[in-house]
């Protein structure tokens, strides 16, 4: 499992809001398509005009036991 810190901004009633959250993923973020999926999820959660500003992988996932064989 991959764990990312996602930072984003959005339109708030008083101006621009900024927030971040931890996102667990089964697959790594590799393309703008992946980032756009995150943006769409944020907008579905009610963040108006959300824009991902950046993301950072907390740590590489531990290798699976099958990979060691």
C-alpha atoms as a PDB file:
ATOM      1  CA  UNK A   1       0.000   0.000   0.000  1.00  0.00           C
ATOM      2  CA  UNK A   2       1.249   3.473  -0.911  1.00  0.00           C
ATOM      3  CA  UNK A   3       0.583   6.439   1.398  1.00  0.00           C
ATOM      4  CA  UNK A   4       0.650   9.963  -0.022  1.00  0.00           C
ATOM      5  CA  UNK A   5       0.302  13.411   1.505  1.00  0.00           C
ATOM      6  CA  UNK A   6      -1.928  15.400  -0.855  1.00  0.00           C
ATOM      7  CA  UNK A   7      -1.987  19.216  -0.656  1.00  0.00           C
ATOM      8  CA  UNK A   8      -4.711  21.156  -2.417  1.00  0.00           C
ATOM      9  CA  UNK A   9      -6.561  24.452  -2.547  1.00  0.00           C
ATOM     10  CA  UNK A  10     -10.218  25.202  -3.157  1.00  0.00           C
ATOM     11  CA  UNK A  11     -12.703  28.063  -3.228  1.00  0.00           C
ATOM     12  CA  UNK A  12     -13.990  28.848   0.248  1.00  0.00           C
ATOM     13  CA  UNK A  13     -16.744  31.340   1.183  1.00  0.00           C
ATOM     14  CA  UNK A  14     -14.079  33.735   2.522  1.00  0.00           C
ATOM     15  CA  UNK A  15     -11.573  33.284  -0.312  1.00  0.00           C
ATOM     16  CA  UNK A  16      -9.135  30.463  -0.978  1.00  0.00           C
ATOM     17  CA  UNK A  17      -8.820  27.505   1.351  1.00  0.00           C
ATOM     18  CA  UNK A  18      -5.823  25.214   1.671  1.00  0.00           C
ATOM     19  CA  UNK A  19      -5.815  21.688   3.053  1.00  0.00           C
ATOM     20  CA  UNK A  20      -3.944  18.410   3.001  1.00  0.00           C
ATOM     21  CA  UNK A  21      -4.735  14.805   3.788  1.00  0.00           C
ATOM     22  CA  UNK A  22      -3.225  11.344   3.739  1.00  0.00           C
ATOM     23  CA  UNK A  23      -4.288   9.146   0.823  1.00  0.00           C
ATOM     24  CA  UNK A  24      -3.692   5.395   0.930  1.00  0.00           C
ATOM     25  CA  UNK A  25      -3.466   3.878  -2.580  1.00  0.00           C
ATOM     26  CA  UNK A  26      -2.983   0.377  -3.890  1.00  0.00           C
ATOM     27  CA  UNK A  27      -1.154   1.767  -6.936  1.00  0.00           C
ATOM     28  CA  UNK A  28       1.391   4.593  -7.152  1.00  0.00           C
ATOM     29  CA  UNK A  29       0.452   7.985  -8.583  1.00  0.00           C
ATOM     30  CA  UNK A  30       2.092   7.940 -12.013  1.00  0.00           C
ATOM     31  CA  UNK A  31       0.285  10.347 -14.297  1.00  0.00           C
ATOM     32  CA  UNK A  32      -1.985  13.362 -14.592  1.00  0.00           C
ATOM     33  CA  UNK A  33      -4.877  10.921 -15.026  1.00  0.00           C
ATOM     34  CA  UNK A  34      -4.235   9.745 -11.451  1.00  0.00           C
ATOM     35  CA  UNK A  35      -4.064  13.353 -10.199  1.00  0.00           C
ATOM     36  CA  UNK A  36      -7.283  14.214 -12.066  1.00  0.00           C
ATOM     37  CA  UNK A  37      -9.053  11.308 -10.336  1.00  0.00           C
ATOM     38  CA  UNK A  38      -8.021  12.762  -6.966  1.00  0.00           C
ATOM     39  CA  UNK A  39      -9.275  16.215  -8.026  1.00  0.00           C
ATOM     40  CA  UNK A  40     -12.609  14.749  -9.121  1.00  0.00           C
ATOM     41  CA  UNK A  41     -12.960  12.926  -5.791  1.00  0.00           C
ATOM     42  CA  UNK A  42     -12.253  16.162  -3.888  1.00  0.00           C
ATOM     43  CA  UNK A  43     -14.857  18.012  -5.925  1.00  0.00           C
ATOM     44  CA  UNK A  44     -17.405  15.246  -5.298  1.00  0.00           C
ATOM     45  CA  UNK A  45     -16.718  15.725  -1.564  1.00  0.00           C
ATOM     46  CA  UNK A  46     -17.786  19.372  -1.919  1.00  0.00           C
ATOM     47  CA  UNK A  47     -14.476  21.202  -2.393  1.00  0.00           C
ATOM     48  CA  UNK A  48     -15.332  23.843  -5.004  1.00  0.00           C
ATOM     49  CA  UNK A  49     -12.778  24.115  -7.821  1.00  0.00           C
ATOM     50  CA  UNK A  50     -10.270  21.953  -5.949  1.00  0.00           C
ATOM     51  CA  UNK A  51      -6.741  21.905  -7.384  1.00  0.00           C
ATOM     52  CA  UNK A  52      -4.000  19.516  -6.271  1.00  0.00           C
ATOM     53  CA  UNK A  53      -0.912  21.596  -5.509  1.00  0.00           C
ATOM     54  CA  UNK A  54       1.389  18.691  -4.812  1.00  0.00           C
ATOM     55  CA  UNK A  55       1.771  15.218  -3.388  1.00  0.00           C
ATOM     56  CA  UNK A  56       4.496  13.311  -1.628  1.00  0.00           C
ATOM     57  CA  UNK A  57       4.980   9.611  -1.006  1.00  0.00           C
ATOM     58  CA  UNK A  58       5.500   8.963   2.705  1.00  0.00           C
ATOM     59  CA  UNK A  59       7.530   5.805   2.169  1.00  0.00           C
ATOM     60  CA  UNK A  60       7.982   3.038  -0.333  1.00  0.00           C
ATOM     61  CA  UNK A  61       5.699   0.121   0.414  1.00  0.00           C
ATOM     62  CA  UNK A  62       7.168  -3.014   1.911  1.00  0.00           C
ATOM     63  CA  UNK A  63       7.807  -5.672  -0.724  1.00  0.00           C
ATOM     64  CA  UNK A  64       5.243  -8.420  -0.843  1.00  0.00           C
ATOM     65  CA  UNK A  65       6.318 -11.910   0.309  1.00  0.00           C
ATOM     66  CA  UNK A  66       5.790 -13.164  -3.273  1.00  0.00           C
ATOM     67  CA  UNK A  67       8.346 -10.654  -4.604  1.00  0.00           C
ATOM     68  CA  UNK A  68      11.050 -12.119  -2.376  1.00  0.00           C
ATOM     69  CA  UNK A  69      10.703 -15.596  -3.909  1.00  0.00           C
END
